[in-house]
Amino acid sequence: MKNNLNKQILRQRHVPERSCISCREKKTKRELIRIVCRAGVVEIDPKGKEAGRGVYLCPIRECWDTGLKGNRLEYALRTELILENRQALIEYGKSLPRRGES
């Protein structure tokens, strides 16, 4: 009985980790912003639970700039970004703080 109680006390909750496709840093899933591709539409997934292929970016402007450069995001999502989707993501990235800002 005492042994089972010790196991329950020592057991910690699993915290899922994901990697930013830009800087490749591993962080907890909640620290990153998920972008999802559903039926060819790429959008931000604020809750992180939408169905579809998803990738993660840090909530830092530099990571968004790097992630949207070239085809890094497109490659990870296995789709092509249409101009409207790319513009929406760029605008969202502009609202994020730079590294070191709070």
PDB file of N, CA and C in Angstrom:
ATOM      1  N   MET A   1       0.834  -1.190   0.000  1.00  0.00           N
ATOM      2  CA  MET A   1       0.000   0.000   0.000  1.00  0.00           C
ATOM      3  C   MET A   1       0.875   1.248   0.000  1.00  0.00           C
ATOM      4  N   LYS A   2       1.872   1.286   0.844  1.00  0.00           N
ATOM      5  CA  LYS A   2       2.743   2.448   0.929  1.00  0.00           C
ATOM      6  C   LYS A   2       3.507   2.654  -0.369  1.00  0.00           C
ATOM      7  N   ASN A   3       3.926   1.583  -1.013  1.00  0.00           N
ATOM      8  CA  ASN A   3       4.661   1.653  -2.275  1.00  0.00           C
ATOM      9  C   ASN A   3       3.808   2.282  -3.380  1.00  0.00           C
ATOM     10  N   ASN A   4       2.546   1.911  -3.474  1.00  0.00           N
ATOM     11  CA  ASN A   4       1.639   2.489  -4.469  1.00  0.00           C
ATOM     12  C   ASN A   4       1.423   3.980  -4.223  1.00  0.00           C
ATOM     13  N   LEU A   5       1.347   4.374  -2.971  1.00  0.00           N
ATOM     14  CA  LEU A   5       1.165   5.774  -2.624  1.00  0.00           C
ATOM     15  C   LEU A   5       2.373   6.599  -3.051  1.00  0.00           C
ATOM     16  N   ASN A   6       3.582   6.064  -2.847  1.00  0.00           N
ATOM     17  CA  ASN A   6       4.797   6.762  -3.265  1.00  0.00           C
ATOM     18  C   ASN A   6       4.854   6.929  -4.776  1.00  0.00           C
ATOM     19  N   LYS A   7       4.436   5.928  -5.523  1.00  0.00           N
ATOM     20  CA  LYS A   7       4.431   6.016  -6.987  1.00  0.00           C
ATOM     21  C   LYS A   7       3.474   7.109  -7.451  1.00  0.00           C
ATOM     22  N   GLN A   8       2.323   7.209  -6.812  1.00  0.00           N
ATOM     23  CA  GLN A   8       1.348   8.225  -7.199  1.00  0.00           C
ATOM     24  C   GLN A   8       1.856   9.626  -6.897  1.00  0.00           C
ATOM     25  N   ILE A   9       2.547   9.792  -5.800  1.00  0.00           N
ATOM     26  CA  ILE A   9       3.075  11.104  -5.429  1.00  0.00           C
ATOM     27  C   ILE A   9       4.198  11.515  -6.375  1.00  0.00           C
ATOM     28  N   LEU A  10       5.066  10.583  -6.752  1.00  0.00           N
ATOM     29  CA  LEU A  10       6.218  10.891  -7.588  1.00  0.00           C
ATOM     30  C   LEU A  10       5.870  11.045  -9.068  1.00  0.00           C
ATOM     31  N   ARG A  11       4.759  10.499  -9.490  1.00  0.00           N
ATOM     32  CA  ARG A  11       4.387  10.545 -10.903  1.00  0.00           C
ATOM     33  C   ARG A  11       4.010  11.974 -11.283  1.00  0.00           C
ATOM     34  N   GLN A  12       4.685  12.497 -12.309  1.00  0.00           N
ATOM     35  CA  GLN A  12       4.382  13.844 -12.784  1.00  0.00           C
ATOM     36  C   GLN A  12       3.548  13.751 -14.051  1.00  0.00           C
ATOM     37  N   ARG A  13       2.798  14.784 -14.290  1.00  0.00           N
ATOM     38  CA  ARG A  13       1.947  14.838 -15.465  1.00  0.00           C
ATOM     39  C   ARG A  13       2.796  15.053 -16.713  1.00  0.00           C
ATOM     40  N   HIS A  14       2.475  14.340 -17.770  1.00  0.00           N
ATOM     41  CA  HIS A  14       3.189  14.479 -19.040  1.00  0.00           C
ATOM     42  C   HIS A  14       2.861  15.827 -19.678  1.00  0.00           C
ATOM     43  N   VAL A  15       3.885  16.566 -20.074  1.00  0.00           N
ATOM     44  CA  VAL A  15       3.699  17.858 -20.732  1.00  0.00           C
ATOM     45  C   VAL A  15       4.187  17.703 -22.168  1.00  0.00           C
ATOM     46  N   PRO A  16       3.273  17.783 -23.160  1.00  0.00           N
ATOM     47  CA  PRO A  16       3.694  17.600 -24.544  1.00  0.00           C
ATOM     48  C   PRO A  16       4.614  18.718 -25.018  1.00  0.00           C
ATOM     49  N   GLU A  17       5.650  18.340 -25.761  1.00  0.00           N
ATOM     50  CA  GLU A  17       6.589  19.310 -26.318  1.00  0.00           C
ATOM     51  C   GLU A  17       6.513  19.272 -27.833  1.00  0.00           C
ATOM     52  N   ARG A  18       6.766  20.409 -28.436  1.00  0.00           N
ATOM     53  CA  ARG A  18       6.811  20.535 -29.893  1.00  0.00           C
ATOM     54  C   ARG A  18       8.015  21.384 -30.257  1.00  0.00           C
ATOM     55  N   SER A  19       8.423  21.321 -31.527  1.00  0.00           N
ATOM     56  CA  SER A  19       9.557  22.113 -32.015  1.00  0.00           C
ATOM     57  C   SER A  19       9.062  23.219 -32.926  1.00  0.00           C
ATOM     58  N   CYS A  20       9.651  24.388 -32.780  1.00  0.00           N
ATOM     59  CA  CYS A  20       9.375  25.507 -33.677  1.00  0.00           C
ATOM     60  C   CYS A  20      10.029  25.180 -35.012  1.00  0.00           C
ATOM     61  N   ILE A  21       9.311  25.351 -36.117  1.00  0.00           N
ATOM     62  CA  ILE A  21       9.891  25.023 -37.424  1.00  0.00           C
ATOM     63  C   ILE A  21      10.925  26.049 -37.858  1.00  0.00           C
ATOM     64  N   SER A  22      11.008  27.146 -37.164  1.00  0.00           N
ATOM     65  CA  SER A  22      11.956  28.188 -37.518  1.00  0.00           C
ATOM     66  C   SER A  22      13.270  28.053 -36.755  1.00  0.00           C
ATOM     67  N   CYS A  23      13.214  28.141 -35.437  1.00  0.00           N
ATOM     68  CA  CYS A  23      14.441  28.109 -34.621  1.00  0.00           C
ATOM     69  C   CYS A  23      14.788  26.707 -34.138  1.00  0.00           C
ATOM     70  N   ARG A  24      13.875  25.748 -34.301  1.00  0.00           N
ATOM     71  CA  ARG A  24      14.062  24.352 -33.912  1.00  0.00           C
ATOM     72  C   ARG A  24      14.153  24.126 -32.405  1.00  0.00           C
ATOM     73  N   GLU A  25      13.785  25.139 -31.613  1.00  0.00           N
ATOM     74  CA  GLU A  25      13.791  24.967 -30.162  1.00  0.00           C
ATOM     75  C   GLU A  25      12.587  24.137 -29.735  1.00  0.00           C
ATOM     76  N   LYS A  26      12.811  23.254 -28.767  1.00  0.00           N
ATOM     77  CA  LYS A  26      11.703  22.485 -28.203  1.00  0.00           C
ATOM     78  C   LYS A  26      11.129  23.264 -27.045  1.00  0.00           C
ATOM     79  N   LYS A  27       9.816  23.411 -27.065  1.00  0.00           N
ATOM     80  CA  LYS A  27       9.104  24.089 -25.986  1.00  0.00           C
ATOM     81  C   LYS A  27       7.822  23.326 -25.723  1.00  0.00           C
ATOM     82  N   THR A  28       7.182  23.682 -24.621  1.00  0.00           N
ATOM     83  CA  THR A  28       5.897  23.041 -24.359  1.00  0.00           C
ATOM     84  C   THR A  28       4.905  23.488 -25.429  1.00  0.00           C
ATOM     85  N   LYS A  29       3.970  22.639 -25.697  1.00  0.00           N
ATOM     86  CA  LYS A  29       2.984  22.897 -26.751  1.00  0.00           C
ATOM     87  C   LYS A  29       2.248  24.221 -26.529  1.00  0.00           C
ATOM     88  N   ARG A  30       1.975  24.562 -25.290  1.00  0.00           N
ATOM     89  CA  ARG A  30       1.243  25.787 -24.973  1.00  0.00           C
ATOM     90  C   ARG A  30       2.065  27.057 -25.185  1.00  0.00           C
ATOM     91  N   GLU A  31       3.392  26.936 -25.215  1.00  0.00           N
ATOM     92  CA  GLU A  31       4.250  28.096 -25.426  1.00  0.00           C
ATOM     93  C   GLU A  31       4.352  28.482 -26.903  1.00  0.00           C
ATOM     94  N   LEU A  32       3.925  27.589 -27.789  1.00  0.00           N
ATOM     95  CA  LEU A  32       4.052  27.820 -29.224  1.00  0.00           C
ATOM     96  C   LEU A  32       2.697  28.119 -29.844  1.00  0.00           C
ATOM     97  N   ILE A  33       2.725  28.674 -31.041  1.00  0.00           N
ATOM     98  CA  ILE A  33       1.498  28.962 -31.785  1.00  0.00           C
ATOM     99  C   ILE A  33       1.384  27.943 -32.915  1.00  0.00           C
ATOM    100  N   ARG A  34       0.239  27.302 -32.999  1.00  0.00           N
ATOM    101  CA  ARG A  34       0.021  26.274 -34.018  1.00  0.00           C
ATOM    102  C   ARG A  34      -0.605  26.880 -35.258  1.00  0.00           C
ATOM    103  N   ILE A  35      -0.082  26.477 -36.395  1.00  0.00           N
ATOM    104  CA  ILE A  35      -0.659  26.835 -37.691  1.00  0.00           C
ATOM    105  C   ILE A  35      -1.130  25.530 -38.301  1.00  0.00           C
ATOM    106  N   VAL A  36      -2.348  25.521 -38.787  1.00  0.00           N
ATOM    107  CA  VAL A  36      -2.946  24.290 -39.292  1.00  0.00           C
ATOM    108  C   VAL A  36      -3.383  24.472 -40.743  1.00  0.00           C
ATOM    109  N   CYS A  37      -3.303  23.390 -41.500  1.00  0.00           N
ATOM    110  CA  CYS A  37      -3.789  23.372 -42.877  1.00  0.00           C
ATOM    111  C   CYS A  37      -4.970  22.416 -42.931  1.00  0.00           C
ATOM    112  N   ARG A  38      -6.134  22.993 -43.258  1.00  0.00           N
ATOM    113  CA  ARG A  38      -7.355  22.190 -43.379  1.00  0.00           C
ATOM    114  C   ARG A  38      -7.968  22.470 -44.735  1.00  0.00           C
ATOM    115  N   ALA A  39      -8.086  21.450 -45.548  1.00  0.00           N
ATOM    116  CA  ALA A  39      -8.702  21.557 -46.875  1.00  0.00           C
ATOM    117  C   ALA A  39      -8.059  22.664 -47.703  1.00  0.00           C
ATOM    118  N   GLY A  40      -6.737  22.779 -47.627  1.00  0.00           N
ATOM    119  CA  GLY A  40      -6.021  23.759 -48.427  1.00  0.00           C
ATOM    120  C   GLY A  40      -5.985  25.160 -47.852  1.00  0.00           C
ATOM    121  N   VAL A  41      -6.663  25.386 -46.731  1.00  0.00           N
ATOM    122  CA  VAL A  41      -6.672  26.700 -46.094  1.00  0.00           C
ATOM    123  C   VAL A  41      -5.723  26.657 -44.896  1.00  0.00           C
ATOM    124  N   VAL A  42      -4.784  27.595 -44.875  1.00  0.00           N
ATOM    125  CA  VAL A  42      -3.813  27.668 -43.792  1.00  0.00           C
ATOM    126  C   VAL A  42      -4.228  28.787 -42.853  1.00  0.00           C
ATOM    127  N   GLU A  43      -4.336  28.457 -41.565  1.00  0.00           N
ATOM    128  CA  GLU A  43      -4.769  29.452 -40.591  1.00  0.00           C
ATOM    129  C   GLU A  43      -4.160  29.168 -39.229  1.00  0.00           C
ATOM    130  N   ILE A  44      -4.232  30.159 -38.366  1.00  0.00           N
ATOM    131  CA  ILE A  44      -3.741  30.024 -36.998  1.00  0.00           C
ATOM    132  C   ILE A  44      -4.778  29.246 -36.198  1.00  0.00           C
ATOM    133  N   ASP A  45      -4.293  28.318 -35.401  1.00  0.00           N
ATOM    134  CA  ASP A  45      -5.149  27.487 -34.559  1.00  0.00           C
ATOM    135  C   ASP A  45      -4.935  27.907 -33.107  1.00  0.00           C
ATOM    136  N   PRO A  46      -5.727  28.858 -32.603  1.00  0.00           N
ATOM    137  CA  PRO A  46      -5.481  29.393 -31.258  1.00  0.00           C
ATOM    138  C   PRO A  46      -5.611  28.362 -30.135  1.00  0.00           C
ATOM    139  N   LYS A  47      -6.486  27.396 -30.282  1.00  0.00           N
ATOM    140  CA  LYS A  47      -6.669  26.391 -29.233  1.00  0.00           C
ATOM    141  C   LYS A  47      -5.729  25.201 -29.403  1.00  0.00           C
ATOM    142  N   GLY A  48      -5.164  25.044 -30.594  1.00  0.00           N
ATOM    143  CA  GLY A  48      -4.233  23.947 -30.845  1.00  0.00           C
ATOM    144  C   GLY A  48      -4.892  22.594 -30.972  1.00  0.00           C
ATOM    145  N   LYS A  49      -6.188  22.558 -31.302  1.00  0.00           N
ATOM    146  CA  LYS A  49      -6.908  21.289 -31.350  1.00  0.00           C
ATOM    147  C   LYS A  49      -7.645  21.048 -32.662  1.00  0.00           C
ATOM    148  N   GLU A  50      -7.501  21.949 -33.617  1.00  0.00           N
ATOM    149  CA  GLU A  50      -8.200  21.788 -34.898  1.00  0.00           C
ATOM    150  C   GLU A  50      -7.659  20.563 -35.634  1.00  0.00           C
ATOM    151  N   ALA A  51      -8.523  19.939 -36.418  1.00  0.00           N
ATOM    152  CA  ALA A  51      -8.106  18.809 -37.236  1.00  0.00           C
ATOM    153  C   ALA A  51      -7.281  19.331 -38.409  1.00  0.00           C
ATOM    154  N   GLY A  52      -6.343  18.551 -38.847  1.00  0.00           N
ATOM    155  CA  GLY A  52      -5.521  18.930 -39.985  1.00  0.00           C
ATOM    156  C   GLY A  52      -4.052  18.882 -39.639  1.00  0.00           C
ATOM    157  N   ARG A  53      -3.229  19.049 -40.654  1.00  0.00           N
ATOM    158  CA  ARG A  53      -1.775  19.019 -40.458  1.00  0.00           C
ATOM    159  C   ARG A  53      -1.331  20.320 -39.817  1.00  0.00           C
ATOM    160  N   GLY A  54      -0.585  20.234 -38.738  1.00  0.00           N
ATOM    161  CA  GLY A  54      -0.184  21.433 -38.016  1.00  0.00           C
ATOM    162  C   GLY A  54       1.315  21.552 -37.841  1.00  0.00           C
ATOM    163  N   VAL A  55       1.763  22.794 -37.723  1.00  0.00           N
ATOM    164  CA  VAL A  55       3.158  23.104 -37.413  1.00  0.00           C
ATOM    165  C   VAL A  55       3.156  24.162 -36.325  1.00  0.00           C
ATOM    166  N   TYR A  56       4.299  24.348 -35.694  1.00  0.00           N
ATOM    167  CA  TYR A  56       4.390  25.266 -34.568  1.00  0.00           C
ATOM    168  C   TYR A  56       5.471  26.309 -34.793  1.00  0.00           C
ATOM    169  N   LEU A  57       5.182  27.526 -34.345  1.00  0.00           N
ATOM    170  CA  LEU A  57       6.135  28.634 -34.375  1.00  0.00           C
ATOM    171  C   LEU A  57       6.145  29.312 -33.010  1.00  0.00           C
ATOM    172  N   CYS A  58       7.311  29.834 -32.643  1.00  0.00           N
ATOM    173  CA  CYS A  58       7.420  30.605 -31.409  1.00  0.00           C
ATOM    174  C   CYS A  58       6.628  31.902 -31.551  1.00  0.00           C
ATOM    175  N   PRO A  59       6.131  32.452 -30.458  1.00  0.00           N
ATOM    176  CA  PRO A  59       5.413  33.725 -30.530  1.00  0.00           C
ATOM    177  C   PRO A  59       6.374  34.912 -30.563  1.00  0.00           C
ATOM    178  N   ILE A  60       7.362  34.837 -31.442  1.00  0.00           N
ATOM    179  CA  ILE A  60       8.388  35.867 -31.595  1.00  0.00           C
ATOM    180  C   ILE A  60       8.457  36.244 -33.065  1.00  0.00           C
ATOM    181  N   ARG A  61       8.548  37.526 -33.343  1.00  0.00           N
ATOM    182  CA  ARG A  61       8.518  38.017 -34.723  1.00  0.00           C
ATOM    183  C   ARG A  61       9.615  37.404 -35.598  1.00  0.00           C
ATOM    184  N   GLU A  62      10.815  37.233 -35.062  1.00  0.00           N
ATOM    185  CA  GLU A  62      11.910  36.679 -35.854  1.00  0.00           C
ATOM    186  C   GLU A  62      11.613  35.260 -36.335  1.00  0.00           C
ATOM    187  N   CYS A  63      10.990  34.460 -35.487  1.00  0.00           N
ATOM    188  CA  CYS A  63      10.638  33.093 -35.891  1.00  0.00           C
ATOM    189  C   CYS A  63       9.578  33.112 -36.997  1.00  0.00           C
ATOM    190  N   TRP A  64       8.629  34.032 -36.899  1.00  0.00           N
ATOM    191  CA  TRP A  64       7.601  34.129 -37.930  1.00  0.00           C
ATOM    192  C   TRP A  64       8.201  34.586 -39.256  1.00  0.00           C
ATOM    193  N   ASP A  65       9.114  35.557 -39.193  1.00  0.00           N
ATOM    194  CA  ASP A  65       9.753  36.035 -40.424  1.00  0.00           C
ATOM    195  C   ASP A  65      10.520  34.901 -41.098  1.00  0.00           C
ATOM    196  N   THR A  66      11.285  34.155 -40.320  1.00  0.00           N
ATOM    197  CA  THR A  66      12.063  33.048 -40.868  1.00  0.00           C
ATOM    198  C   THR A  66      11.153  31.929 -41.366  1.00  0.00           C
ATOM    199  N   GLY A  67      10.115  31.625 -40.601  1.00  0.00           N
ATOM    200  CA  GLY A  67       9.193  30.556 -40.982  1.00  0.00           C
ATOM    201  C   GLY A  67       8.434  30.846 -42.258  1.00  0.00           C
ATOM    202  N   LEU A  68       8.149  32.130 -42.511  1.00  0.00           N
ATOM    203  CA  LEU A  68       7.396  32.503 -43.711  1.00  0.00           C
ATOM    204  C   LEU A  68       8.295  32.776 -44.912  1.00  0.00           C
ATOM    205  N   LYS A  69       9.609  32.869 -44.664  1.00  0.00           N
ATOM    206  CA  LYS A  69      10.545  33.063 -45.768  1.00  0.00           C
ATOM    207  C   LYS A  69      10.665  31.777 -46.568  1.00  0.00           C
ATOM    208  N   GLY A  70      10.878  31.925 -47.842  1.00  0.00           N
ATOM    209  CA  GLY A  70      11.067  30.740 -48.675  1.00  0.00           C
ATOM    210  C   GLY A  70       9.860  29.836 -48.614  1.00  0.00           C
ATOM    211  N   ASN A  71      10.109  28.552 -48.486  1.00  0.00           N
ATOM    212  CA  ASN A  71       8.971  27.619 -48.450  1.00  0.00           C
ATOM    213  C   ASN A  71       9.005  26.727 -47.215  1.00  0.00           C
ATOM    214  N   ARG A  72       9.631  27.186 -46.150  1.00  0.00           N
ATOM    215  CA  ARG A  72       9.750  26.368 -44.933  1.00  0.00           C
ATOM    216  C   ARG A  72       8.376  25.963 -44.398  1.00  0.00           C
ATOM    217  N   LEU A  73       7.469  26.921 -44.297  1.00  0.00           N
ATOM    218  CA  LEU A  73       6.124  26.632 -43.794  1.00  0.00           C
ATOM    219  C   LEU A  73       5.361  25.737 -44.775  1.00  0.00           C
ATOM    220  N   GLU A  74       5.475  26.045 -46.045  1.00  0.00           N
ATOM    221  CA  GLU A  74       4.791  25.236 -47.064  1.00  0.00           C
ATOM    222  C   GLU A  74       5.284  23.795 -47.052  1.00  0.00           C
ATOM    223  N   TYR A  75       6.593  23.622 -46.916  1.00  0.00           N
ATOM    224  CA  TYR A  75       7.166  22.283 -46.880  1.00  0.00           C
ATOM    225  C   TYR A  75       6.649  21.512 -45.669  1.00  0.00           C
ATOM    226  N   ALA A  76       6.629  22.150 -44.517  1.00  0.00           N
ATOM    227  CA  ALA A  76       6.181  21.487 -43.294  1.00  0.00           C
ATOM    228  C   ALA A  76       4.697  21.135 -43.347  1.00  0.00           C
ATOM    229  N   LEU A  77       3.901  22.001 -43.976  1.00  0.00           N
ATOM    230  CA  LEU A  77       2.461  21.745 -44.073  1.00  0.00           C
ATOM    231  C   LEU A  77       2.095  20.898 -45.284  1.00  0.00           C
ATOM    232  N   ARG A  78       3.067  20.693 -46.169  1.00  0.00           N
ATOM    233  CA  ARG A  78       2.851  19.927 -47.409  1.00  0.00           C
ATOM    234  C   ARG A  78       1.747  20.529 -48.266  1.00  0.00           C
ATOM    235  N   THR A  79       1.797  21.844 -48.416  1.00  0.00           N
ATOM    236  CA  THR A  79       0.823  22.556 -49.230  1.00  0.00           C
ATOM    237  C   THR A  79       1.451  23.848 -49.739  1.00  0.00           C
ATOM    238  N   GLU A  80       0.774  24.526 -50.639  1.00  0.00           N
ATOM    239  CA  GLU A  80       1.219  25.835 -51.091  1.00  0.00           C
ATOM    240  C   GLU A  80       0.350  26.901 -50.439  1.00  0.00           C
ATOM    241  N   LEU A  81       0.984  27.958 -49.965  1.00  0.00           N
ATOM    242  CA  LEU A  81       0.245  29.059 -49.359  1.00  0.00           C
ATOM    243  C   LEU A  81      -0.299  29.966 -50.453  1.00  0.00           C
ATOM    244  N   ILE A  82      -1.581  30.263 -50.381  1.00  0.00           N
ATOM    245  CA  ILE A  82      -2.114  31.254 -51.302  1.00  0.00           C
ATOM    246  C   ILE A  82      -1.800  32.637 -50.732  1.00  0.00           C
ATOM    247  N   LEU A  83      -1.849  33.644 -51.567  1.00  0.00           N
ATOM    248  CA  LEU A  83      -1.436  34.986 -51.187  1.00  0.00           C
ATOM    249  C   LEU A  83      -2.196  35.515 -49.967  1.00  0.00           C
ATOM    250  N   GLU A  84      -3.502  35.266 -49.900  1.00  0.00           N
ATOM    251  CA  GLU A  84      -4.301  35.753 -48.775  1.00  0.00           C
ATOM    252  C   GLU A  84      -3.853  35.114 -47.458  1.00  0.00           C
ATOM    253  N   ASN A  85      -3.580  33.812 -47.490  1.00  0.00           N
ATOM    254  CA  ASN A  85      -3.114  33.121 -46.282  1.00  0.00           C
ATOM    255  C   ASN A  85      -1.769  33.668 -45.838  1.00  0.00           C
ATOM    256  N   ARG A  86      -0.842  33.848 -46.787  1.00  0.00           N
ATOM    257  CA  ARG A  86       0.487  34.359 -46.461  1.00  0.00           C
ATOM    258  C   ARG A  86       0.380  35.763 -45.866  1.00  0.00           C
ATOM    259  N   GLN A  87      -0.456  36.615 -46.444  1.00  0.00           N
ATOM    260  CA  GLN A  87      -0.625  37.991 -45.943  1.00  0.00           C
ATOM    261  C   GLN A  87      -1.193  37.997 -44.526  1.00  0.00           C
ATOM    262  N   ALA A  88      -2.167  37.140 -44.265  1.00  0.00           N
ATOM    263  CA  ALA A  88      -2.760  37.061 -42.927  1.00  0.00           C
ATOM    264  C   ALA A  88      -1.713  36.628 -41.896  1.00  0.00           C
ATOM    265  N   LEU A  89      -0.871  35.673 -42.254  1.00  0.00           N
ATOM    266  CA  LEU A  89       0.165  35.210 -41.339  1.00  0.00           C
ATOM    267  C   LEU A  89       1.242  36.280 -41.135  1.00  0.00           C
ATOM    268  N   ILE A  90       1.588  37.007 -42.181  1.00  0.00           N
ATOM    269  CA  ILE A  90       2.572  38.090 -42.066  1.00  0.00           C
ATOM    270  C   ILE A  90       2.042  39.184 -41.149  1.00  0.00           C
ATOM    271  N   GLU A  91       0.794  39.554 -41.317  1.00  0.00           N
ATOM    272  CA  GLU A  91       0.185  40.588 -40.463  1.00  0.00           C
ATOM    273  C   GLU A  91       0.152  40.146 -39.009  1.00  0.00           C
ATOM    274  N   TYR A  92      -0.187  38.887 -38.776  1.00  0.00           N
ATOM    275  CA  TYR A  92      -0.191  38.381 -37.405  1.00  0.00           C
ATOM    276  C   TYR A  92       1.219  38.425 -36.826  1.00  0.00           C
ATOM    277  N   GLY A  93       2.211  38.042 -37.619  1.00  0.00           N
ATOM    278  CA  GLY A  93       3.603  38.061 -37.169  1.00  0.00           C
ATOM    279  C   GLY A  93       4.078  39.453 -36.803  1.00  0.00           C
ATOM    280  N   LYS A  94       3.581  40.471 -37.500  1.00  0.00           N
ATOM    281  CA  LYS A  94       3.965  41.852 -37.200  1.00  0.00           C
ATOM    282  C   LYS A  94       3.458  42.297 -35.836  1.00  0.00           C
ATOM    283  N   SER A  95       2.411  41.665 -35.347  1.00  0.00           N
ATOM    284  CA  SER A  95       1.853  42.034 -34.046  1.00  0.00           C
ATOM    285  C   SER A  95       2.616  41.390 -32.884  1.00  0.00           C
ATOM    286  N   LEU A  96       3.503  40.455 -33.193  1.00  0.00           N
ATOM    287  CA  LEU A  96       4.253  39.759 -32.143  1.00  0.00           C
ATOM    288  C   LEU A  96       5.472  40.557 -31.707  1.00  0.00           C
ATOM    289  N   PRO A  97       5.905  40.367 -30.473  1.00  0.00           N
ATOM    290  CA  PRO A  97       7.099  41.094 -29.989  1.00  0.00           C
ATOM    291  C   PRO A  97       8.370  40.517 -30.598  1.00  0.00           C
ATOM    292  N   ARG A  98       9.402  41.328 -30.644  1.00  0.00           N
ATOM    293  CA  ARG A  98      10.719  40.873 -31.080  1.00  0.00           C
ATOM    294  C   ARG A  98      11.379  40.123 -29.926  1.00  0.00           C
ATOM    295  N   ARG A  99      12.411  39.358 -30.247  1.00  0.00           N
ATOM    296  CA  ARG A  99      13.140  38.613 -29.221  1.00  0.00           C
ATOM    297  C   ARG A  99      13.696  39.586 -28.187  1.00  0.00           C
ATOM    298  N   GLY A 100      13.442  39.323 -26.922  1.00  0.00           N
ATOM    299  CA  GLY A 100      13.928  40.196 -25.851  1.00  0.00           C
ATOM    300  C   GLY A 100      12.909  41.226 -25.385  1.00  0.00           C
ATOM    301  N   GLU A 101      11.876  41.492 -26.187  1.00  0.00           N
ATOM    302  CA  GLU A 101      10.815  42.422 -25.769  1.00  0.00           C
ATOM    303  C   GLU A 101       9.794  41.649 -24.955  1.00  0.00           C
ATOM    304  N   SER A 102       9.074  42.338 -24.121  1.00  0.00           N
ATOM    305  CA  SER A 102       8.010  41.669 -23.355  1.00  0.00           C
ATOM    306  C   SER A 102       6.668  42.164 -23.772  1.00  0.00           C
TER     307      SER A 102
END
